């Protein structure tokens, strides 16, 4: 019981204001992360059909050397994966497949950088807001208790409770307002990255098919 009272006293002393400022700070950071990721993922705007046609035409025109030269003008991860499989000239099929699989993993880590922050924020921001709401409600009832000890009429006035609870619920609303955009951005960016990695798999299969055709 003493621990509960001490915890309540600490929460009442801290108040709920810091929770709102924390959520505002996290919201600013999440916006910065989304903008940074959008800038970094601009390389994915290259159409997959263009990458595939460029690779196939290069392979038909002059093999790996021609294809490497043609793909070198692209910064798309799929192009990097295909180039990794063609570097060093003629390869064994299993070796080419292994190095391209390794490059796909490396590219995934680069593309999904800071995604974990958005996912974590989206999952936990509502709970942070709920913490602010709980603190606000505790403050409202504490104020009601103080009023009851000094003025019975003030204690019976429902406006004291309703106003405090209404202010406390703002924290929950802010938590949801921070979480929803973070989750939406995470899902959209993840889908974009998945599409890019699918393109990388397609180009890797093209390289493998070319090598198997030479055997």
N, C-alpha and C. Protein backbone atom coordinates (compact mmCIF):
# COMPACT_ATOMS: atom_id res chain seq x y z
N UNK A 1 0.83 -1.20 0.00
CA UNK A 1 0.00 0.00 0.00
C UNK A 1 0.87 1.25 0.00
N UNK A 2 1.94 1.21 0.74
CA UNK A 2 2.85 2.35 0.81
C UNK A 2 3.50 2.60 -0.55
N UNK A 3 3.85 1.50 -1.24
CA UNK A 3 4.46 1.64 -2.56
C UNK A 3 3.48 2.31 -3.52
N UNK A 4 2.21 1.90 -3.44
CA UNK A 4 1.19 2.49 -4.31
C UNK A 4 1.04 3.97 -4.03
N UNK A 5 1.03 4.35 -2.77
CA UNK A 5 0.89 5.76 -2.42
C UNK A 5 2.09 6.57 -2.88
N UNK A 6 3.28 5.98 -2.74
CA UNK A 6 4.48 6.69 -3.20
C UNK A 6 4.48 6.86 -4.71
N UNK A 7 4.06 5.81 -5.43
CA UNK A 7 3.98 5.90 -6.89
C UNK A 7 2.98 6.95 -7.32
N UNK A 8 1.84 6.99 -6.64
CA UNK A 8 0.82 7.98 -6.95
C UNK A 8 1.35 9.39 -6.70
N UNK A 9 2.08 9.56 -5.60
CA UNK A 9 2.63 10.88 -5.28
C UNK A 9 3.63 11.33 -6.35
N UNK A 10 4.44 10.39 -6.83
CA UNK A 10 5.42 10.73 -7.88
C UNK A 10 4.72 11.14 -9.16
N UNK A 11 3.69 10.37 -9.55
CA UNK A 11 2.96 10.68 -10.78
C UNK A 11 2.26 12.03 -10.67
N UNK A 12 1.68 12.31 -9.52
CA UNK A 12 1.00 13.60 -9.33
C UNK A 12 2.00 14.76 -9.37
N UNK A 13 3.18 14.52 -8.85
CA UNK A 13 4.20 15.56 -8.85
C UNK A 13 4.72 15.83 -10.26
N UNK A 14 4.90 14.77 -11.03
CA UNK A 14 5.39 14.94 -12.39
C UNK A 14 4.35 15.58 -13.30
N UNK A 15 3.08 15.18 -13.12
CA UNK A 15 2.03 15.70 -13.97
C UNK A 15 2.03 15.03 -15.34
N UNK A 16 1.09 15.43 -16.20
CA UNK A 16 0.95 14.81 -17.53
C UNK A 16 1.56 15.66 -18.64
N UNK A 17 2.03 16.83 -18.29
CA UNK A 17 2.58 17.71 -19.33
C UNK A 17 3.77 17.12 -20.06
N UNK A 18 4.64 16.43 -19.31
CA UNK A 18 5.83 15.85 -19.94
C UNK A 18 5.47 14.78 -20.95
N UNK A 19 4.35 14.09 -20.74
CA UNK A 19 3.91 13.06 -21.69
C UNK A 19 3.56 13.70 -23.03
N UNK A 20 2.85 14.81 -22.98
CA UNK A 20 2.48 15.51 -24.22
C UNK A 20 3.72 16.01 -24.94
N UNK A 21 4.67 16.58 -24.20
CA UNK A 21 5.89 17.05 -24.85
C UNK A 21 6.69 15.89 -25.44
N UNK A 22 6.69 14.76 -24.74
CA UNK A 22 7.38 13.57 -25.27
C UNK A 22 6.74 13.13 -26.59
N UNK A 23 5.42 13.12 -26.63
CA UNK A 23 4.72 12.71 -27.85
C UNK A 23 4.99 13.69 -28.99
N UNK A 24 5.01 14.97 -28.66
CA UNK A 24 5.32 15.98 -29.69
C UNK A 24 6.73 15.76 -30.23
N UNK A 25 7.68 15.50 -29.33
CA UNK A 25 9.06 15.25 -29.77
C UNK A 25 9.17 14.01 -30.64
N UNK A 26 8.48 12.94 -30.24
CA UNK A 26 8.50 11.71 -31.03
C UNK A 26 7.85 11.91 -32.39
N UNK A 27 6.81 12.74 -32.42
CA UNK A 27 6.15 13.03 -33.69
C UNK A 27 7.10 13.76 -34.64
N UNK A 28 7.85 14.72 -34.11
CA UNK A 28 8.82 15.45 -34.94
C UNK A 28 9.89 14.50 -35.47
N UNK A 29 10.37 13.61 -34.60
CA UNK A 29 11.39 12.65 -35.03
C UNK A 29 10.83 11.72 -36.11
N UNK A 30 9.59 11.27 -35.94
CA UNK A 30 9.00 10.36 -36.93
C UNK A 30 8.83 11.05 -38.28
N UNK A 31 8.45 12.33 -38.27
CA UNK A 31 8.35 13.08 -39.52
C UNK A 31 9.71 13.18 -40.20
N UNK A 32 10.74 13.44 -39.40
CA UNK A 32 12.09 13.54 -39.95
C UNK A 32 12.53 12.20 -40.54
N UNK A 33 12.19 11.10 -39.87
CA UNK A 33 12.55 9.76 -40.37
C UNK A 33 11.84 9.48 -41.69
N UNK A 34 10.56 9.82 -41.77
CA UNK A 34 9.80 9.56 -43.00
C UNK A 34 10.37 10.38 -44.15
N UNK A 35 10.67 11.65 -43.90
CA UNK A 35 11.24 12.50 -44.97
C UNK A 35 12.59 11.95 -45.42
N UNK A 36 13.43 11.57 -44.45
CA UNK A 36 14.74 11.02 -44.80
C UNK A 36 14.62 9.75 -45.62
N UNK A 37 13.69 8.87 -45.24
CA UNK A 37 13.50 7.63 -45.97
C UNK A 37 12.94 7.88 -47.38
N UNK A 38 12.05 8.85 -47.50
CA UNK A 38 11.51 9.18 -48.82
C UNK A 38 12.61 9.70 -49.74
N UNK A 39 13.50 10.49 -49.18
CA UNK A 39 14.64 11.00 -49.97
C UNK A 39 15.57 9.86 -50.38
N UNK A 40 15.82 8.94 -49.42
CA UNK A 40 16.73 7.82 -49.70
C UNK A 40 16.14 6.84 -50.70
N UNK A 41 14.82 6.69 -50.69
CA UNK A 41 14.18 5.71 -51.56
C UNK A 41 13.80 6.26 -52.93
N UNK A 42 14.26 7.47 -53.22
CA UNK A 42 14.00 8.02 -54.56
C UNK A 42 14.63 7.18 -55.66
N UNK A 43 15.68 6.43 -55.31
CA UNK A 43 16.35 5.58 -56.30
C UNK A 43 15.44 4.47 -56.79
N UNK A 44 14.34 4.21 -56.06
CA UNK A 44 13.44 3.12 -56.42
C UNK A 44 12.43 3.52 -57.48
N UNK A 45 12.48 4.77 -57.94
CA UNK A 45 11.51 5.24 -58.92
C UNK A 45 11.77 4.68 -60.32
N UNK A 46 12.95 4.11 -60.54
CA UNK A 46 13.26 3.54 -61.85
C UNK A 46 12.32 2.37 -62.14
N UNK A 47 11.63 2.35 -63.27
CA UNK A 47 10.70 1.26 -63.57
C UNK A 47 11.42 -0.09 -63.65
N UNK A 48 10.81 -1.11 -63.10
CA UNK A 48 11.42 -2.44 -63.12
C UNK A 48 11.54 -2.98 -64.54
N UNK A 49 10.58 -2.62 -65.39
CA UNK A 49 10.63 -3.09 -66.78
C UNK A 49 11.86 -2.53 -67.49
N UNK A 50 12.21 -1.28 -67.19
CA UNK A 50 13.40 -0.67 -67.81
C UNK A 50 14.66 -1.38 -67.35
N UNK A 51 14.75 -1.70 -66.08
CA UNK A 51 15.92 -2.41 -65.57
C UNK A 51 16.06 -3.78 -66.23
N UNK A 52 14.95 -4.49 -66.33
CA UNK A 52 15.00 -5.84 -66.90
C UNK A 52 15.35 -5.80 -68.37
N UNK A 53 14.76 -4.87 -69.11
CA UNK A 53 15.07 -4.75 -70.53
C UNK A 53 16.53 -4.37 -70.75
N UNK A 54 17.04 -3.47 -69.90
CA UNK A 54 18.44 -3.05 -70.03
C UNK A 54 19.37 -4.22 -69.79
N UNK A 55 19.07 -5.02 -68.77
CA UNK A 55 19.91 -6.19 -68.47
C UNK A 55 19.86 -7.19 -69.62
N UNK A 56 18.71 -7.51 -70.11
CA UNK A 56 18.59 -8.51 -71.16
C UNK A 56 19.25 -8.06 -72.45
N UNK A 57 19.06 -6.79 -72.80
CA UNK A 57 19.70 -6.27 -74.02
C UNK A 57 21.21 -6.27 -73.89
N UNK A 58 21.70 -5.92 -72.69
CA UNK A 58 23.15 -5.93 -72.47
C UNK A 58 23.72 -7.33 -72.56
N UNK A 59 23.02 -8.29 -71.98
CA UNK A 59 23.50 -9.67 -72.05
C UNK A 59 23.52 -10.18 -73.49
N UNK A 60 22.50 -9.84 -74.27
CA UNK A 60 22.45 -10.28 -75.67
C UNK A 60 23.53 -9.58 -76.51
N UNK A 61 23.81 -8.32 -76.16
CA UNK A 61 24.75 -7.56 -76.99
C UNK A 61 26.21 -7.96 -76.75
N UNK A 62 26.57 -8.21 -75.50
CA UNK A 62 27.98 -8.50 -75.25
C UNK A 62 28.26 -9.21 -73.96
N UNK A 63 27.27 -9.92 -73.43
CA UNK A 63 27.48 -10.69 -72.21
C UNK A 63 27.58 -9.81 -70.98
N UNK A 64 28.33 -10.27 -69.99
CA UNK A 64 28.42 -9.58 -68.71
C UNK A 64 29.00 -8.19 -68.84
N UNK A 65 30.03 -8.03 -69.65
CA UNK A 65 30.68 -6.73 -69.77
C UNK A 65 29.71 -5.66 -70.27
N UNK A 66 28.96 -6.00 -71.28
CA UNK A 66 27.99 -5.06 -71.83
C UNK A 66 26.86 -4.78 -70.84
N UNK A 67 26.39 -5.82 -70.16
CA UNK A 67 25.30 -5.66 -69.19
C UNK A 67 25.75 -4.83 -68.00
N UNK A 68 26.97 -5.05 -67.53
CA UNK A 68 27.49 -4.25 -66.42
C UNK A 68 27.57 -2.78 -66.78
N UNK A 69 28.04 -2.49 -67.99
CA UNK A 69 28.13 -1.11 -68.44
C UNK A 69 26.75 -0.47 -68.55
N UNK A 70 25.78 -1.22 -69.02
CA UNK A 70 24.43 -0.68 -69.19
C UNK A 70 23.76 -0.42 -67.85
N UNK A 71 23.98 -1.31 -66.88
CA UNK A 71 23.33 -1.16 -65.57
C UNK A 71 24.03 -0.18 -64.65
N UNK A 72 25.26 0.17 -64.98
CA UNK A 72 26.04 1.03 -64.08
C UNK A 72 25.45 2.42 -63.93
N UNK A 73 24.58 2.83 -64.84
CA UNK A 73 23.98 4.17 -64.75
C UNK A 73 22.78 4.20 -63.80
N UNK A 74 22.37 3.04 -63.29
CA UNK A 74 21.23 2.98 -62.38
C UNK A 74 21.72 2.80 -60.93
N UNK A 75 21.01 3.45 -60.02
CA UNK A 75 21.31 3.30 -58.59
C UNK A 75 20.30 2.40 -57.88
N UNK A 76 19.39 1.84 -58.62
CA UNK A 76 18.36 0.97 -58.05
C UNK A 76 19.01 -0.26 -57.44
N UNK A 77 18.55 -0.71 -56.26
CA UNK A 77 19.12 -1.91 -55.64
C UNK A 77 19.09 -3.14 -56.53
N UNK A 78 18.07 -3.27 -57.37
CA UNK A 78 18.00 -4.42 -58.27
C UNK A 78 19.18 -4.43 -59.23
N UNK A 79 19.56 -3.24 -59.71
CA UNK A 79 20.72 -3.15 -60.60
C UNK A 79 21.99 -3.55 -59.86
N UNK A 80 22.11 -3.13 -58.60
CA UNK A 80 23.30 -3.48 -57.82
C UNK A 80 23.38 -4.99 -57.59
N UNK A 81 22.24 -5.62 -57.38
CA UNK A 81 22.22 -7.07 -57.16
C UNK A 81 22.68 -7.79 -58.43
N UNK A 82 22.13 -7.40 -59.57
CA UNK A 82 22.50 -8.04 -60.83
C UNK A 82 23.98 -7.82 -61.14
N UNK A 83 24.46 -6.60 -60.90
CA UNK A 83 25.87 -6.30 -61.15
C UNK A 83 26.78 -7.12 -60.25
N UNK A 84 26.33 -7.33 -59.02
CA UNK A 84 27.13 -8.14 -58.09
C UNK A 84 27.26 -9.57 -58.61
N UNK A 85 26.22 -10.10 -59.24
CA UNK A 85 26.28 -11.45 -59.77
C UNK A 85 27.12 -11.58 -61.02
N UNK A 86 27.32 -10.44 -61.72
CA UNK A 86 28.08 -10.49 -62.98
C UNK A 86 29.52 -10.05 -62.82
N UNK A 87 29.87 -9.48 -61.68
CA UNK A 87 31.24 -9.01 -61.48
C UNK A 87 32.22 -10.17 -61.51
N UNK A 88 33.37 -9.93 -62.08
CA UNK A 88 34.40 -10.96 -62.13
C UNK A 88 34.31 -11.88 -63.32
N UNK A 89 33.45 -11.54 -64.29
CA UNK A 89 33.37 -12.35 -65.50
C UNK A 89 32.52 -13.59 -65.31
N UNK A 90 32.93 -14.66 -65.95
CA UNK A 90 32.15 -15.90 -65.93
C UNK A 90 32.12 -16.51 -64.53
N UNK A 91 30.93 -16.94 -64.11
CA UNK A 91 30.75 -17.51 -62.78
C UNK A 91 30.04 -18.87 -62.87
N UNK A 92 30.23 -19.64 -61.84
CA UNK A 92 29.43 -20.84 -61.68
C UNK A 92 28.05 -20.39 -61.21
N UNK A 93 27.00 -21.11 -61.65
CA UNK A 93 25.62 -20.70 -61.33
C UNK A 93 25.41 -20.59 -59.82
N UNK A 94 25.85 -21.58 -59.07
CA UNK A 94 25.65 -21.58 -57.62
C UNK A 94 26.36 -20.41 -56.96
N UNK A 95 27.54 -20.09 -57.46
CA UNK A 95 28.30 -18.97 -56.90
C UNK A 95 27.59 -17.65 -57.17
N UNK A 96 27.11 -17.47 -58.40
CA UNK A 96 26.40 -16.24 -58.75
C UNK A 96 25.14 -16.08 -57.92
N UNK A 97 24.42 -17.18 -57.75
CA UNK A 97 23.19 -17.11 -56.95
C UNK A 97 23.50 -16.74 -55.50
N UNK A 98 24.57 -17.27 -54.95
CA UNK A 98 24.93 -16.99 -53.56
C UNK A 98 25.31 -15.53 -53.35
N UNK A 99 26.13 -15.00 -54.25
CA UNK A 99 26.56 -13.61 -54.06
C UNK A 99 25.39 -12.65 -54.26
N UNK A 100 24.47 -12.97 -55.15
CA UNK A 100 23.31 -12.10 -55.35
C UNK A 100 22.34 -12.19 -54.17
N UNK A 101 22.18 -13.37 -53.60
CA UNK A 101 21.35 -13.50 -52.40
C UNK A 101 21.94 -12.68 -51.25
N UNK A 102 23.27 -12.72 -51.13
CA UNK A 102 23.93 -11.93 -50.09
C UNK A 102 23.73 -10.44 -50.32
N UNK A 103 23.79 -10.02 -51.58
CA UNK A 103 23.60 -8.60 -51.90
C UNK A 103 22.17 -8.17 -51.64
N UNK A 104 21.21 -9.04 -51.89
CA UNK A 104 19.81 -8.71 -51.61
C UNK A 104 19.61 -8.47 -50.11
N UNK A 105 20.23 -9.30 -49.28
CA UNK A 105 20.14 -9.11 -47.84
C UNK A 105 20.76 -7.78 -47.43
N UNK A 106 21.90 -7.47 -48.01
CA UNK A 106 22.57 -6.20 -47.70
C UNK A 106 21.73 -5.01 -48.13
N UNK A 107 21.12 -5.10 -49.30
CA UNK A 107 20.27 -4.01 -49.78
C UNK A 107 19.02 -3.86 -48.93
N UNK A 108 18.48 -4.97 -48.46
CA UNK A 108 17.29 -4.90 -47.58
C UNK A 108 17.62 -4.12 -46.31
N UNK A 109 18.76 -4.38 -45.73
CA UNK A 109 19.15 -3.67 -44.51
C UNK A 109 19.29 -2.17 -44.76
N UNK A 110 19.82 -1.82 -45.91
CA UNK A 110 19.98 -0.40 -46.24
C UNK A 110 18.62 0.25 -46.44
N UNK A 111 17.74 -0.41 -47.18
CA UNK A 111 16.45 0.17 -47.51
C UNK A 111 15.53 0.26 -46.29
N UNK A 112 15.63 -0.69 -45.38
CA UNK A 112 14.73 -0.74 -44.23
C UNK A 112 15.30 -0.03 -43.01
N UNK A 113 16.33 0.76 -43.21
CA UNK A 113 16.93 1.49 -42.10
C UNK A 113 15.91 2.42 -41.45
N UNK A 114 15.83 2.39 -40.13
CA UNK A 114 14.92 3.22 -39.31
C UNK A 114 13.45 2.82 -39.42
N UNK A 115 13.16 1.74 -40.13
CA UNK A 115 11.78 1.26 -40.17
C UNK A 115 11.33 0.79 -38.78
N UNK A 116 12.26 0.22 -38.02
CA UNK A 116 11.92 -0.29 -36.69
C UNK A 116 11.43 0.83 -35.79
N UNK A 117 12.00 2.02 -35.95
CA UNK A 117 11.55 3.15 -35.13
C UNK A 117 10.10 3.48 -35.42
N UNK A 118 9.72 3.53 -36.70
CA UNK A 118 8.34 3.85 -37.06
C UNK A 118 7.38 2.78 -36.53
N UNK A 119 7.77 1.51 -36.66
CA UNK A 119 6.91 0.43 -36.18
C UNK A 119 6.76 0.49 -34.67
N UNK A 120 7.86 0.73 -33.97
CA UNK A 120 7.81 0.80 -32.51
C UNK A 120 6.98 1.99 -32.04
N UNK A 121 7.16 3.13 -32.70
CA UNK A 121 6.39 4.32 -32.34
C UNK A 121 4.90 4.09 -32.58
N UNK A 122 4.57 3.50 -33.71
CA UNK A 122 3.17 3.26 -34.02
C UNK A 122 2.51 2.31 -33.03
N UNK A 123 3.29 1.36 -32.52
CA UNK A 123 2.73 0.39 -31.59
C UNK A 123 2.62 0.93 -30.17
N UNK A 124 3.50 1.87 -29.79
CA UNK A 124 3.59 2.27 -28.40
C UNK A 124 3.12 3.69 -28.09
N UNK A 125 2.99 4.54 -29.11
CA UNK A 125 2.52 5.91 -28.86
C UNK A 125 1.16 5.95 -28.17
N UNK A 126 0.19 5.09 -28.54
CA UNK A 126 -1.09 5.12 -27.81
C UNK A 126 -0.94 4.80 -26.33
N UNK A 127 -0.01 3.92 -25.99
CA UNK A 127 0.19 3.58 -24.58
C UNK A 127 0.84 4.74 -23.82
N UNK A 128 1.72 5.47 -24.51
CA UNK A 128 2.31 6.66 -23.88
C UNK A 128 1.22 7.69 -23.62
N UNK A 129 0.33 7.87 -24.61
CA UNK A 129 -0.78 8.78 -24.42
C UNK A 129 -1.70 8.32 -23.31
N UNK A 130 -1.90 7.01 -23.21
CA UNK A 130 -2.74 6.46 -22.14
C UNK A 130 -2.13 6.73 -20.77
N UNK A 131 -0.82 6.68 -20.69
CA UNK A 131 -0.15 7.02 -19.43
C UNK A 131 -0.46 8.46 -19.04
N UNK A 132 -0.41 9.37 -20.00
CA UNK A 132 -0.76 10.75 -19.71
C UNK A 132 -2.20 10.89 -19.25
N UNK A 133 -3.08 10.10 -19.86
CA UNK A 133 -4.50 10.14 -19.45
C UNK A 133 -4.67 9.65 -18.02
N UNK A 134 -3.99 8.58 -17.68
CA UNK A 134 -4.09 8.04 -16.32
C UNK A 134 -3.58 9.07 -15.31
N UNK A 135 -2.46 9.71 -15.63
CA UNK A 135 -1.93 10.73 -14.71
C UNK A 135 -2.92 11.89 -14.58
N UNK A 136 -3.50 12.30 -15.71
CA UNK A 136 -4.47 13.39 -15.66
C UNK A 136 -5.69 13.04 -14.83
N UNK A 137 -6.18 11.82 -14.94
CA UNK A 137 -7.34 11.40 -14.14
C UNK A 137 -6.98 11.35 -12.66
N UNK A 138 -5.77 10.86 -12.36
CA UNK A 138 -5.33 10.87 -10.97
C UNK A 138 -5.30 12.28 -10.40
N UNK A 139 -4.82 13.22 -11.22
CA UNK A 139 -4.79 14.61 -10.77
C UNK A 139 -6.20 15.14 -10.54
N UNK A 140 -7.14 14.78 -11.43
CA UNK A 140 -8.52 15.26 -11.29
C UNK A 140 -9.15 14.75 -10.00
N UNK A 141 -8.96 13.46 -9.71
CA UNK A 141 -9.55 12.91 -8.49
C UNK A 141 -8.82 13.39 -7.24
N UNK A 142 -7.52 13.64 -7.38
CA UNK A 142 -6.80 14.19 -6.23
C UNK A 142 -7.31 15.59 -5.91
N UNK A 143 -7.54 16.39 -6.96
CA UNK A 143 -8.09 17.73 -6.75
C UNK A 143 -9.48 17.65 -6.14
N UNK A 144 -10.25 16.64 -6.57
CA UNK A 144 -11.60 16.45 -6.02
C UNK A 144 -11.53 16.09 -4.54
N UNK A 145 -10.55 15.26 -4.19
CA UNK A 145 -10.39 14.89 -2.79
C UNK A 145 -10.01 16.07 -1.92
N UNK A 146 -9.12 16.90 -2.46
CA UNK A 146 -8.72 18.10 -1.72
C UNK A 146 -9.91 19.03 -1.53
N UNK A 147 -10.72 19.17 -2.61
CA UNK A 147 -11.89 20.02 -2.51
C UNK A 147 -12.90 19.46 -1.51
N UNK A 148 -13.01 18.15 -1.44
CA UNK A 148 -13.95 17.52 -0.50
C UNK A 148 -13.57 17.80 0.94
N UNK A 149 -12.26 17.95 1.17
CA UNK A 149 -11.83 18.20 2.54
C UNK A 149 -12.06 19.63 2.98
N UNK A 150 -12.22 20.53 2.01
CA UNK A 150 -12.37 21.94 2.36
C UNK A 150 -13.74 22.51 2.06
N UNK A 151 -14.40 21.94 1.04
CA UNK A 151 -15.68 22.49 0.61
C UNK A 151 -16.53 21.37 0.04
N UNK A 152 -17.54 20.97 0.76
CA UNK A 152 -18.36 19.84 0.32
C UNK A 152 -19.09 20.14 -0.96
N UNK A 153 -19.56 21.37 -1.14
CA UNK A 153 -20.28 21.73 -2.36
C UNK A 153 -19.38 21.63 -3.58
N UNK A 154 -18.13 22.07 -3.42
CA UNK A 154 -17.19 21.98 -4.55
C UNK A 154 -16.93 20.53 -4.90
N UNK A 155 -16.92 19.69 -3.88
CA UNK A 155 -16.66 18.28 -4.14
C UNK A 155 -17.80 17.64 -4.92
N UNK A 156 -19.01 18.12 -4.70
CA UNK A 156 -20.16 17.55 -5.39
C UNK A 156 -20.35 18.12 -6.78
N UNK A 157 -19.63 19.14 -7.13
CA UNK A 157 -19.76 19.78 -8.45
C UNK A 157 -19.13 18.87 -9.50
N UNK A 158 -19.90 18.28 -10.43
CA UNK A 158 -19.33 17.35 -11.42
C UNK A 158 -18.37 18.02 -12.40
N UNK A 159 -18.46 19.32 -12.53
CA UNK A 159 -17.58 20.01 -13.48
C UNK A 159 -16.12 19.87 -13.12
N UNK A 160 -15.82 19.72 -11.82
CA UNK A 160 -14.43 19.54 -11.40
C UNK A 160 -13.85 18.25 -11.96
N UNK A 161 -14.67 17.20 -11.94
CA UNK A 161 -14.21 15.90 -12.44
C UNK A 161 -14.20 15.87 -13.96
N UNK A 162 -15.30 16.35 -14.58
CA UNK A 162 -15.43 16.27 -16.03
C UNK A 162 -14.37 17.08 -16.75
N UNK A 163 -14.08 18.27 -16.21
CA UNK A 163 -13.05 19.10 -16.84
C UNK A 163 -11.69 18.42 -16.77
N UNK A 164 -11.36 17.85 -15.60
CA UNK A 164 -10.07 17.18 -15.47
C UNK A 164 -9.96 15.95 -16.35
N UNK A 165 -11.03 15.17 -16.42
CA UNK A 165 -11.02 13.97 -17.27
C UNK A 165 -10.93 14.35 -18.73
N UNK A 166 -11.65 15.41 -19.13
CA UNK A 166 -11.59 15.86 -20.52
C UNK A 166 -10.20 16.28 -20.92
N UNK A 167 -9.51 17.00 -20.03
CA UNK A 167 -8.13 17.40 -20.32
C UNK A 167 -7.21 16.18 -20.36
N UNK A 168 -7.47 15.21 -19.51
CA UNK A 168 -6.62 14.02 -19.49
C UNK A 168 -6.73 13.22 -20.77
N UNK A 169 -7.94 13.17 -21.35
CA UNK A 169 -8.14 12.39 -22.58
C UNK A 169 -7.40 12.98 -23.78
N UNK A 170 -6.99 14.23 -23.66
CA UNK A 170 -6.22 14.84 -24.75
C UNK A 170 -4.94 14.05 -25.00
N UNK A 171 -4.33 13.54 -23.93
CA UNK A 171 -3.09 12.77 -24.08
C UNK A 171 -3.31 11.52 -24.92
N UNK A 172 -4.42 10.84 -24.71
CA UNK A 172 -4.74 9.66 -25.52
C UNK A 172 -4.94 10.03 -26.97
N UNK A 173 -5.65 11.15 -27.20
CA UNK A 173 -5.88 11.60 -28.57
C UNK A 173 -4.56 11.94 -29.26
N UNK A 174 -3.66 12.60 -28.54
CA UNK A 174 -2.36 12.95 -29.13
C UNK A 174 -1.56 11.69 -29.42
N UNK A 175 -1.63 10.70 -28.51
CA UNK A 175 -0.92 9.44 -28.75
C UNK A 175 -1.39 8.75 -30.01
N UNK A 176 -2.70 8.75 -30.24
CA UNK A 176 -3.25 8.15 -31.46
C UNK A 176 -2.86 8.97 -32.68
N UNK A 177 -2.84 10.28 -32.53
CA UNK A 177 -2.47 11.16 -33.66
C UNK A 177 -1.01 10.96 -34.06
N UNK A 178 -0.18 10.57 -33.12
CA UNK A 178 1.23 10.29 -33.43
C UNK A 178 1.38 8.88 -34.02
N UNK A 179 0.62 7.92 -33.48
CA UNK A 179 0.78 6.53 -33.87
C UNK A 179 0.26 6.25 -35.28
N UNK A 180 -0.91 6.78 -35.61
CA UNK A 180 -1.55 6.44 -36.89
C UNK A 180 -0.68 6.84 -38.10
N UNK A 181 -0.18 8.08 -38.18
CA UNK A 181 0.68 8.41 -39.33
C UNK A 181 1.94 7.56 -39.39
N UNK A 182 2.50 7.22 -38.22
CA UNK A 182 3.72 6.41 -38.20
C UNK A 182 3.46 5.02 -38.77
N UNK A 183 2.32 4.42 -38.40
CA UNK A 183 1.98 3.09 -38.91
C UNK A 183 1.69 3.15 -40.41
N UNK A 184 0.96 4.18 -40.85
CA UNK A 184 0.64 4.31 -42.28
C UNK A 184 1.92 4.47 -43.08
N UNK A 185 2.83 5.33 -42.61
CA UNK A 185 4.10 5.53 -43.32
C UNK A 185 4.92 4.25 -43.34
N UNK A 186 4.95 3.53 -42.22
CA UNK A 186 5.70 2.28 -42.16
C UNK A 186 5.18 1.27 -43.17
N UNK A 187 3.86 1.12 -43.24
CA UNK A 187 3.28 0.14 -44.16
C UNK A 187 3.54 0.51 -45.61
N UNK A 188 3.43 1.80 -45.94
CA UNK A 188 3.67 2.24 -47.32
C UNK A 188 5.12 2.03 -47.70
N UNK A 189 6.03 2.46 -46.83
CA UNK A 189 7.46 2.33 -47.13
C UNK A 189 7.87 0.87 -47.22
N UNK A 190 7.31 0.05 -46.36
CA UNK A 190 7.65 -1.38 -46.39
C UNK A 190 7.19 -2.02 -47.70
N UNK A 191 6.01 -1.61 -48.19
CA UNK A 191 5.52 -2.15 -49.45
C UNK A 191 6.41 -1.72 -50.61
N UNK A 192 6.88 -0.47 -50.58
CA UNK A 192 7.78 0.02 -51.62
C UNK A 192 9.08 -0.77 -51.63
N UNK A 193 9.63 -1.01 -50.45
CA UNK A 193 10.87 -1.77 -50.35
C UNK A 193 10.67 -3.21 -50.82
N UNK A 194 9.56 -3.81 -50.44
CA UNK A 194 9.28 -5.18 -50.88
C UNK A 194 9.21 -5.26 -52.40
N UNK A 195 8.60 -4.28 -53.02
CA UNK A 195 8.53 -4.26 -54.48
C UNK A 195 9.92 -4.15 -55.09
N UNK A 196 10.77 -3.32 -54.49
CA UNK A 196 12.14 -3.17 -55.00
C UNK A 196 12.93 -4.46 -54.86
N UNK A 197 12.74 -5.17 -53.75
CA UNK A 197 13.46 -6.43 -53.56
C UNK A 197 12.93 -7.52 -54.48
N UNK A 198 11.64 -7.45 -54.81
CA UNK A 198 11.10 -8.37 -55.82
C UNK A 198 11.75 -8.12 -57.18
N UNK A 199 11.96 -6.85 -57.50
CA UNK A 199 12.66 -6.51 -58.75
C UNK A 199 14.08 -7.06 -58.73
N UNK A 200 14.72 -6.99 -57.56
CA UNK A 200 16.08 -7.53 -57.45
C UNK A 200 16.10 -9.04 -57.66
N UNK A 201 15.11 -9.71 -57.12
CA UNK A 201 15.01 -11.15 -57.34
C UNK A 201 14.80 -11.47 -58.82
N UNK A 202 14.00 -10.65 -59.50
CA UNK A 202 13.75 -10.87 -60.93
C UNK A 202 15.03 -10.74 -61.74
N UNK A 203 15.80 -9.70 -61.48
CA UNK A 203 17.05 -9.51 -62.22
C UNK A 203 18.07 -10.59 -61.87
N UNK A 204 18.06 -11.04 -60.62
CA UNK A 204 18.96 -12.13 -60.25
C UNK A 204 18.63 -13.40 -61.01
N UNK A 205 17.36 -13.68 -61.18
CA UNK A 205 16.94 -14.85 -61.95
C UNK A 205 17.33 -14.72 -63.42
N UNK A 206 17.29 -13.51 -63.93
CA UNK A 206 17.72 -13.29 -65.32
C UNK A 206 19.21 -13.62 -65.48
N UNK A 207 20.01 -13.21 -64.50
CA UNK A 207 21.45 -13.50 -64.55
C UNK A 207 21.68 -15.01 -64.45
N UNK A 208 20.97 -15.66 -63.55
CA UNK A 208 21.11 -17.11 -63.39
C UNK A 208 20.68 -17.84 -64.67
N UNK A 209 19.58 -17.38 -65.27
CA UNK A 209 19.11 -18.01 -66.51
C UNK A 209 20.14 -17.86 -67.62
N UNK A 210 20.79 -16.71 -67.69
CA UNK A 210 21.83 -16.51 -68.70
C UNK A 210 23.01 -17.47 -68.48
N UNK A 211 23.41 -17.61 -67.20
CA UNK A 211 24.52 -18.51 -66.89
C UNK A 211 24.14 -19.97 -67.20
N UNK A 212 22.95 -20.36 -66.86
CA UNK A 212 22.51 -21.74 -67.14
C UNK A 212 22.42 -22.00 -68.63
N UNK A 213 22.11 -20.98 -69.40
CA UNK A 213 22.04 -21.13 -70.85
C UNK A 213 23.41 -21.32 -71.48
N UNK A 214 24.44 -20.86 -70.78
CA UNK A 214 25.80 -20.98 -71.29
C UNK A 214 26.41 -22.34 -70.98
N UNK A 215 25.82 -23.02 -69.98
CA UNK A 215 26.40 -24.31 -69.56
C UNK A 215 26.17 -25.38 -70.63
